[in-house]
Amino acid sequence: MRIIAELPHPDFKISILNMNQKFIVKIEQGSLEQSYKIPEMDLTDGVNSVFELLDEEFLKQVGIRFLAMRKDFKDTYFRYNY
């Protein structure tokens, strides 16, 4: 697995990796991570097509999902520790 690109974003660390004829989009925020695997053959313009998929609406939903993930983990953590 190798990193082929990193995209600047004010809220997330976004890395695009390549492994086994798949692009892997890894989006990190603190200790949380979301990843998406896209077969190379599904994209017409290689990594440039990945950039197009990461539009404003998608990244907005990623942010909302991070909030939900953080809440879910916080809830379970407090159930476990109290």
PDB file of N, CA and C in Angstrom:
ATOM      1  N   MET A   1       0.867  -1.168   0.000  1.00  0.00           N
ATOM      2  CA  MET A   1       0.000   0.000   0.000  1.00  0.00           C
ATOM      3  C   MET A   1       0.909   1.224   0.000  1.00  0.00           C
ATOM      4  N   ARG A   2       0.615   2.149  -0.894  1.00  0.00           N
ATOM      5  CA  ARG A   2       1.427   3.359  -0.930  1.00  0.00           C
ATOM      6  C   ARG A   2       0.537   4.586  -1.105  1.00  0.00           C
ATOM      7  N   ILE A   3       0.942   5.655  -0.470  1.00  0.00           N
ATOM      8  CA  ILE A   3       0.208   6.919  -0.592  1.00  0.00           C
ATOM      9  C   ILE A   3       0.564   7.549  -1.925  1.00  0.00           C
ATOM     10  N   ILE A   4      -0.464   7.873  -2.711  1.00  0.00           N
ATOM     11  CA  ILE A   4      -0.201   8.501  -4.009  1.00  0.00           C
ATOM     12  C   ILE A   4      -0.601   9.977  -4.023  1.00  0.00           C
ATOM     13  N   ALA A   5      -1.405  10.399  -3.030  1.00  0.00           N
ATOM     14  CA  ALA A   5      -1.787  11.816  -2.966  1.00  0.00           C
ATOM     15  C   ALA A   5      -2.329  12.132  -1.576  1.00  0.00           C
ATOM     16  N   GLU A   6      -2.188  13.383  -1.203  1.00  0.00           N
ATOM     17  CA  GLU A   6      -2.824  13.904  -0.001  1.00  0.00           C
ATOM     18  C   GLU A   6      -3.526  15.192  -0.387  1.00  0.00           C
ATOM     19  N   LEU A   7      -4.754  15.344   0.086  1.00  0.00           N
ATOM     20  CA  LEU A   7      -5.533  16.529  -0.245  1.00  0.00           C
ATOM     21  C   LEU A   7      -5.615  17.429   0.976  1.00  0.00           C
ATOM     22  N   PRO A   8      -5.350  18.706   0.796  1.00  0.00           N
ATOM     23  CA  PRO A   8      -5.492  19.618   1.932  1.00  0.00           C
ATOM     24  C   PRO A   8      -6.960  19.845   2.277  1.00  0.00           C
ATOM     25  N   HIS A   9      -7.240  19.857   3.566  1.00  0.00           N
ATOM     26  CA  HIS A   9      -8.595  20.146   4.042  1.00  0.00           C
ATOM     27  C   HIS A   9      -8.465  20.701   5.453  1.00  0.00           C
ATOM     28  N   PRO A  10      -9.258  21.709   5.811  1.00  0.00           N
ATOM     29  CA  PRO A  10      -9.105  22.328   7.137  1.00  0.00           C
ATOM     30  C   PRO A  10      -9.541  21.430   8.301  1.00  0.00           C
ATOM     31  N   ASP A  11     -10.410  20.443   8.056  1.00  0.00           N
ATOM     32  CA  ASP A  11     -10.951  19.633   9.146  1.00  0.00           C
ATOM     33  C   ASP A  11     -10.454  18.194   9.175  1.00  0.00           C
ATOM     34  N   PHE A  12      -9.955  17.678   8.067  1.00  0.00           N
ATOM     35  CA  PHE A  12      -9.580  16.277   7.960  1.00  0.00           C
ATOM     36  C   PHE A  12      -8.192  16.136   7.350  1.00  0.00           C
ATOM     37  N   LYS A  13      -7.603  14.976   7.599  1.00  0.00           N
ATOM     38  CA  LYS A  13      -6.431  14.564   6.833  1.00  0.00           C
ATOM     39  C   LYS A  13      -6.945  13.580   5.790  1.00  0.00           C
ATOM     40  N   ILE A  14      -6.748  13.894   4.526  1.00  0.00           N
ATOM     41  CA  ILE A  14      -7.257  13.050   3.439  1.00  0.00           C
ATOM     42  C   ILE A  14      -6.069  12.486   2.668  1.00  0.00           C
ATOM     43  N   SER A  15      -5.981  11.158   2.637  1.00  0.00           N
ATOM     44  CA  SER A  15      -4.919  10.474   1.903  1.00  0.00           C
ATOM     45  C   SER A  15      -5.553   9.550   0.879  1.00  0.00           C
ATOM     46  N   ILE A  16      -4.923   9.463  -0.286  1.00  0.00           N
ATOM     47  CA  ILE A  16      -5.355   8.513  -1.313  1.00  0.00           C
ATOM     48  C   ILE A  16      -4.217   7.521  -1.488  1.00  0.00           C
ATOM     49  N   LEU A  17      -4.567   6.267  -1.310  1.00  0.00           N
ATOM     50  CA  LEU A  17      -3.588   5.200  -1.403  1.00  0.00           C
ATOM     51  C   LEU A  17      -3.937   4.286  -2.564  1.00  0.00           C
ATOM     52  N   ASN A  18      -2.957   3.484  -2.981  1.00  0.00           N
ATOM     53  CA  ASN A  18      -3.173   2.536  -4.057  1.00  0.00           C
ATOM     54  C   ASN A  18      -2.706   1.166  -3.598  1.00  0.00           C
ATOM     55  N   MET A  19      -3.597   0.164  -3.752  1.00  0.00           N
ATOM     56  CA  MET A  19      -3.242  -1.200  -3.364  1.00  0.00           C
ATOM     57  C   MET A  19      -4.152  -2.179  -4.100  1.00  0.00           C
ATOM     58  N   ASN A  20      -3.572  -3.199  -4.693  1.00  0.00           N
ATOM     59  CA  ASN A  20      -4.324  -4.287  -5.342  1.00  0.00           C
ATOM     60  C   ASN A  20      -5.400  -3.777  -6.302  1.00  0.00           C
ATOM     61  N   GLN A  21      -5.039  -2.915  -7.219  1.00  0.00           N
ATOM     62  CA  GLN A  21      -5.943  -2.335  -8.219  1.00  0.00           C
ATOM     63  C   GLN A  21      -7.139  -1.613  -7.599  1.00  0.00           C
ATOM     64  N   LYS A  22      -6.920  -1.045  -6.416  1.00  0.00           N
ATOM     65  CA  LYS A  22      -7.961  -0.241  -5.766  1.00  0.00           C
ATOM     66  C   LYS A  22      -7.343   1.061  -5.284  1.00  0.00           C
ATOM     67  N   PHE A  23      -8.148   2.115  -5.349  1.00  0.00           N
ATOM     68  CA  PHE A  23      -7.807   3.355  -4.677  1.00  0.00           C
ATOM     69  C   PHE A  23      -8.482   3.301  -3.312  1.00  0.00           C
ATOM     70  N   ILE A  24      -7.765   3.665  -2.290  1.00  0.00           N
ATOM     71  CA  ILE A  24      -8.316   3.719  -0.946  1.00  0.00           C
ATOM     72  C   ILE A  24      -8.263   5.166  -0.493  1.00  0.00           C
ATOM     73  N   VAL A  25      -9.420   5.727  -0.205  1.00  0.00           N
ATOM     74  CA  VAL A  25      -9.508   7.094   0.304  1.00  0.00           C
ATOM     75  C   VAL A  25      -9.605   6.982   1.817  1.00  0.00           C
ATOM     76  N   LYS A  26      -8.594   7.498   2.503  1.00  0.00           N
ATOM     77  CA  LYS A  26      -8.555   7.441   3.962  1.00  0.00           C
ATOM     78  C   LYS A  26      -8.720   8.866   4.493  1.00  0.00           C
ATOM     79  N   ILE A  27      -9.743   9.059   5.315  1.00  0.00           N
ATOM     80  CA  ILE A  27     -10.043  10.376   5.868  1.00  0.00           C
ATOM     81  C   ILE A  27      -9.962  10.258   7.386  1.00  0.00           C
ATOM     82  N   GLU A  28      -9.109  11.076   7.994  1.00  0.00           N
ATOM     83  CA  GLU A  28      -8.874  10.995   9.431  1.00  0.00           C
ATOM     84  C   GLU A  28      -9.237  12.307  10.105  1.00  0.00           C
ATOM     85  N   GLN A  29      -9.756  12.179  11.316  1.00  0.00           N
ATOM     86  CA  GLN A  29     -10.010  13.341  12.165  1.00  0.00           C
ATOM     87  C   GLN A  29      -9.733  12.895  13.598  1.00  0.00           C
ATOM     88  N   GLY A  30      -8.633  13.361  14.149  1.00  0.00           N
ATOM     89  CA  GLY A  30      -8.242  12.924  15.485  1.00  0.00           C
ATOM     90  C   GLY A  30      -8.000  11.428  15.505  1.00  0.00           C
ATOM     91  N   SER A  31      -8.644  10.719  16.423  1.00  0.00           N
ATOM     92  CA  SER A  31      -8.453   9.276  16.541  1.00  0.00           C
ATOM     93  C   SER A  31      -9.430   8.476  15.680  1.00  0.00           C
ATOM     94  N   LEU A  32     -10.259   9.157  14.908  1.00  0.00           N
ATOM     95  CA  LEU A  32     -11.260   8.475  14.074  1.00  0.00           C
ATOM     96  C   LEU A  32     -10.808   8.435  12.623  1.00  0.00           C
ATOM     97  N   GLU A  33     -11.291   7.420  11.908  1.00  0.00           N
ATOM     98  CA  GLU A  33     -10.912   7.247  10.510  1.00  0.00           C
ATOM     99  C   GLU A  33     -12.076   6.658   9.720  1.00  0.00           C
ATOM    100  N   GLN A  34     -12.247   7.149   8.508  1.00  0.00           N
ATOM    101  CA  GLN A  34     -13.187   6.569   7.553  1.00  0.00           C
ATOM    102  C   GLN A  34     -12.373   6.193   6.322  1.00  0.00           C
ATOM    103  N   SER A  35     -12.682   5.052   5.720  1.00  0.00           N
ATOM    104  CA  SER A  35     -11.980   4.684   4.496  1.00  0.00           C
ATOM    105  C   SER A  35     -12.977   4.151   3.471  1.00  0.00           C
ATOM    106  N   TYR A  36     -12.655   4.405   2.225  1.00  0.00           N
ATOM    107  CA  TYR A  36     -13.500   4.018   1.098  1.00  0.00           C
ATOM    108  C   TYR A  36     -12.609   3.388   0.047  1.00  0.00           C
ATOM    109  N   LYS A  37     -12.993   2.194  -0.418  1.00  0.00           N
ATOM    110  CA  LYS A  37     -12.226   1.476  -1.432  1.00  0.00           C
ATOM    111  C   LYS A  37     -12.962   1.562  -2.761  1.00  0.00           C
ATOM    112  N   ILE A  38     -12.216   1.951  -3.787  1.00  0.00           N
ATOM    113  CA  ILE A  38     -12.792   2.125  -5.122  1.00  0.00           C
ATOM    114  C   ILE A  38     -11.943   1.352  -6.131  1.00  0.00           C
ATOM    115  N   PRO A  39     -12.519   0.357  -6.805  1.00  0.00           N
ATOM    116  CA  PRO A  39     -11.740  -0.368  -7.821  1.00  0.00           C
ATOM    117  C   PRO A  39     -11.276   0.584  -8.928  1.00  0.00           C
ATOM    118  N   GLU A  40     -10.020   0.446  -9.316  1.00  0.00           N
ATOM    119  CA  GLU A  40      -9.472   1.294 -10.383  1.00  0.00           C
ATOM    120  C   GLU A  40     -10.298   1.194 -11.659  1.00  0.00           C
ATOM    121  N   MET A  41     -10.804   0.003 -11.962  1.00  0.00           N
ATOM    122  CA  MET A  41     -11.525  -0.181 -13.223  1.00  0.00           C
ATOM    123  C   MET A  41     -12.873   0.547 -13.240  1.00  0.00           C
ATOM    124  N   ASP A  42     -13.358   1.003 -12.064  1.00  0.00           N
ATOM    125  CA  ASP A  42     -14.609   1.752 -12.007  1.00  0.00           C
ATOM    126  C   ASP A  42     -14.421   3.231 -12.338  1.00  0.00           C
ATOM    127  N   LEU A  43     -13.179   3.667 -12.470  1.00  0.00           N
ATOM    128  CA  LEU A  43     -12.896   5.081 -12.700  1.00  0.00           C
ATOM    129  C   LEU A  43     -12.266   5.275 -14.065  1.00  0.00           C
ATOM    130  N   THR A  44     -12.732   6.271 -14.767  1.00  0.00           N
ATOM    131  CA  THR A  44     -12.255   6.485 -16.131  1.00  0.00           C
ATOM    132  C   THR A  44     -10.943   7.262 -16.204  1.00  0.00           C
ATOM    133  N   ASP A  45     -10.668   8.093 -15.197  1.00  0.00           N
ATOM    134  CA  ASP A  45      -9.496   8.969 -15.266  1.00  0.00           C
ATOM    135  C   ASP A  45      -8.559   8.761 -14.080  1.00  0.00           C
ATOM    136  N   GLY A  46      -8.465   7.527 -13.592  1.00  0.00           N
ATOM    137  CA  GLY A  46      -7.536   7.209 -12.522  1.00  0.00           C
ATOM    138  C   GLY A  46      -7.742   8.050 -11.277  1.00  0.00           C
ATOM    139  N   VAL A  47      -6.634   8.481 -10.689  1.00  0.00           N
ATOM    140  CA  VAL A  47      -6.697   9.233  -9.440  1.00  0.00           C
ATOM    141  C   VAL A  47      -7.438  10.560  -9.605  1.00  0.00           C
ATOM    142  N   ASN A  48      -7.438  11.126 -10.785  1.00  0.00           N
ATOM    143  CA  ASN A  48      -8.189  12.371 -11.015  1.00  0.00           C
ATOM    144  C   ASN A  48      -9.687  12.158 -10.794  1.00  0.00           C
ATOM    145  N   SER A  49     -10.180  10.980 -11.116  1.00  0.00           N
ATOM    146  CA  SER A  49     -11.586  10.672 -10.850  1.00  0.00           C
ATOM    147  C   SER A  49     -11.860  10.603  -9.357  1.00  0.00           C
ATOM    148  N   VAL A  50     -10.879  10.139  -8.581  1.00  0.00           N
ATOM    149  CA  VAL A  50     -11.041  10.110  -7.124  1.00  0.00           C
ATOM    150  C   VAL A  50     -11.201  11.530  -6.603  1.00  0.00           C
ATOM    151  N   PHE A  51     -10.379  12.442  -7.098  1.00  0.00           N
ATOM    152  CA  PHE A  51     -10.485  13.850  -6.684  1.00  0.00           C
ATOM    153  C   PHE A  51     -11.882  14.390  -6.950  1.00  0.00           C
ATOM    154  N   GLU A  52     -12.467  14.034  -8.083  1.00  0.00           N
ATOM    155  CA  GLU A  52     -13.808  14.496  -8.431  1.00  0.00           C
ATOM    156  C   GLU A  52     -14.868  13.942  -7.484  1.00  0.00           C
ATOM    157  N   LEU A  53     -14.681  12.710  -7.019  1.00  0.00           N
ATOM    158  CA  LEU A  53     -15.648  12.107  -6.091  1.00  0.00           C
ATOM    159  C   LEU A  53     -15.683  12.834  -4.746  1.00  0.00           C
ATOM    160  N   LEU A  54     -14.572  13.423  -4.350  1.00  0.00           N
ATOM    161  CA  LEU A  54     -14.468  14.061  -3.039  1.00  0.00           C
ATOM    162  C   LEU A  54     -14.965  15.505  -3.108  1.00  0.00           C
ATOM    163  N   ASP A  55     -16.219  15.648  -3.482  1.00  0.00           N
ATOM    164  CA  ASP A  55     -16.788  16.985  -3.623  1.00  0.00           C
ATOM    165  C   ASP A  55     -17.253  17.537  -2.270  1.00  0.00           C
ATOM    166  N   GLU A  56     -17.711  18.768  -2.289  1.00  0.00           N
ATOM    167  CA  GLU A  56     -18.107  19.462  -1.062  1.00  0.00           C
ATOM    168  C   GLU A  56     -19.223  18.730  -0.316  1.00  0.00           C
ATOM    169  N   GLU A  57     -20.219  18.245  -1.020  1.00  0.00           N
ATOM    170  CA  GLU A  57     -21.337  17.546  -0.377  1.00  0.00           C
ATOM    171  C   GLU A  57     -20.867  16.258   0.305  1.00  0.00           C
ATOM    172  N   PHE A  58     -20.004  15.500  -0.375  1.00  0.00           N
ATOM    173  CA  PHE A  58     -19.480  14.267   0.219  1.00  0.00           C
ATOM    174  C   PHE A  58     -18.702  14.582   1.493  1.00  0.00           C
ATOM    175  N   LEU A  59     -17.823  15.572   1.447  1.00  0.00           N
ATOM    176  CA  LEU A  59     -17.008  15.898   2.615  1.00  0.00           C
ATOM    177  C   LEU A  59     -17.857  16.466   3.753  1.00  0.00           C
ATOM    178  N   LYS A  60     -18.956  17.129   3.425  1.00  0.00           N
ATOM    179  CA  LYS A  60     -19.890  17.590   4.457  1.00  0.00           C
ATOM    180  C   LYS A  60     -20.477  16.383   5.188  1.00  0.00           C
ATOM    181  N   GLN A  61     -20.880  15.357   4.435  1.00  0.00           N
ATOM    182  CA  GLN A  61     -21.428  14.148   5.029  1.00  0.00           C
ATOM    183  C   GLN A  61     -20.371  13.389   5.852  1.00  0.00           C
ATOM    184  N   VAL A  62     -19.136  13.418   5.398  1.00  0.00           N
ATOM    185  CA  VAL A  62     -18.041  12.808   6.155  1.00  0.00           C
ATOM    186  C   VAL A  62     -17.935  13.490   7.520  1.00  0.00           C
ATOM    187  N   GLY A  63     -18.031  14.816   7.549  1.00  0.00           N
ATOM    188  CA  GLY A  63     -17.980  15.557   8.811  1.00  0.00           C
ATOM    189  C   GLY A  63     -19.119  15.181   9.743  1.00  0.00           C
ATOM    190  N   ILE A  64     -20.309  15.052   9.198  1.00  0.00           N
ATOM    191  CA  ILE A  64     -21.473  14.653   9.996  1.00  0.00           C
ATOM    192  C   ILE A  64     -21.263  13.238  10.557  1.00  0.00           C
ATOM    193  N   ARG A  65     -20.716  12.367   9.723  1.00  0.00           N
ATOM    194  CA  ARG A  65     -20.457  10.992  10.160  1.00  0.00           C
ATOM    195  C   ARG A  65     -19.410  10.958  11.273  1.00  0.00           C
ATOM    196  N   PHE A  66     -18.388  11.810  11.193  1.00  0.00           N
ATOM    197  CA  PHE A  66     -17.396  11.880  12.266  1.00  0.00           C
ATOM    198  C   PHE A  66     -18.050  12.307  13.581  1.00  0.00           C
ATOM    199  N   LEU A  67     -18.972  13.254  13.517  1.00  0.00           N
ATOM    200  CA  LEU A  67     -19.678  13.673  14.733  1.00  0.00           C
ATOM    201  C   LEU A  67     -20.445  12.498  15.346  1.00  0.00           C
ATOM    202  N   ALA A  68     -21.126  11.726  14.508  1.00  0.00           N
ATOM    203  CA  ALA A  68     -21.881  10.569  14.988  1.00  0.00           C
ATOM    204  C   ALA A  68     -20.941   9.499  15.548  1.00  0.00           C
ATOM    205  N   MET A  69     -19.825   9.266  14.875  1.00  0.00           N
ATOM    206  CA  MET A  69     -18.858   8.287  15.348  1.00  0.00           C
ATOM    207  C   MET A  69     -18.314   8.694  16.719  1.00  0.00           C
ATOM    208  N   ARG A  70     -17.982   9.966  16.846  1.00  0.00           N
ATOM    209  CA  ARG A  70     -17.431  10.467  18.115  1.00  0.00           C
ATOM    210  C   ARG A  70     -18.458  10.292  19.240  1.00  0.00           C
ATOM    211  N   LYS A  71     -19.727  10.611  18.960  1.00  0.00           N
ATOM    212  CA  LYS A  71     -20.782  10.468  19.961  1.00  0.00           C
ATOM    213  C   LYS A  71     -20.950   8.996  20.345  1.00  0.00           C
ATOM    214  N   ASP A  72     -20.996   8.112  19.355  1.00  0.00           N
ATOM    215  CA  ASP A  72     -21.151   6.685  19.623  1.00  0.00           C
ATOM    216  C   ASP A  72     -20.024   6.163  20.510  1.00  0.00           C
ATOM    217  N   PHE A  73     -18.797   6.561  20.195  1.00  0.00           N
ATOM    218  CA  PHE A  73     -17.673   6.077  20.981  1.00  0.00           C
ATOM    219  C   PHE A  73     -17.687   6.654  22.393  1.00  0.00           C
ATOM    220  N   LYS A  74     -17.999   7.940  22.487  1.00  0.00           N
ATOM    221  CA  LYS A  74     -18.070   8.578  23.795  1.00  0.00           C
ATOM    222  C   LYS A  74     -19.132   7.899  24.669  1.00  0.00           C
ATOM    223  N   ASP A  75     -20.292   7.612  24.083  1.00  0.00           N
ATOM    224  CA  ASP A  75     -21.372   6.949  24.812  1.00  0.00           C
ATOM    225  C   ASP A  75     -20.932   5.583  25.335  1.00  0.00           C
ATOM    226  N   THR A  76     -20.311   4.785  24.499  1.00  0.00           N
ATOM    227  CA  THR A  76     -19.894   3.454  24.936  1.00  0.00           C
ATOM    228  C   THR A  76     -18.760   3.533  25.950  1.00  0.00           C
ATOM    229  N   TYR A  77     -17.883   4.499  25.773  1.00  0.00           N
ATOM    230  CA  TYR A  77     -16.779   4.679  26.714  1.00  0.00           C
ATOM    231  C   TYR A  77     -17.314   4.985  28.114  1.00  0.00           C
ATOM    232  N   PHE A  78     -18.293   5.875  28.192  1.00  0.00           N
ATOM    233  CA  PHE A  78     -18.849   6.223  29.505  1.00  0.00           C
ATOM    234  C   PHE A  78     -19.674   5.085  30.100  1.00  0.00           C
ATOM    235  N   ARG A  79     -20.316   4.284  29.268  1.00  0.00           N
ATOM    236  CA  ARG A  79     -21.026   3.102  29.793  1.00  0.00           C
ATOM    237  C   ARG A  79     -20.037   2.113  30.397  1.00  0.00           C
ATOM    238  N   TYR A  80     -18.910   1.978  29.764  1.00  0.00           N
ATOM    239  CA  TYR A  80     -17.901   1.036  30.210  1.00  0.00           C
ATOM    240  C   TYR A  80     -17.191   1.514  31.480  1.00  0.00           C
ATOM    241  N   ASN A  81     -16.923   2.794  31.571  1.00  0.00           N
ATOM    242  CA  ASN A  81     -16.121   3.325  32.677  1.00  0.00           C
ATOM    243  C   ASN A  81     -16.930   3.836  33.854  1.00  0.00           C
ATOM    244  N   TYR A  82     -18.249   3.808  33.783  1.00  0.00           N
ATOM    245  CA  TYR A  82     -19.033   4.321  34.910  1.00  0.00           C
ATOM    246  C   TYR A  82     -20.131   3.391  35.311  1.00  0.00           C
TER     247      TYR A  82
END
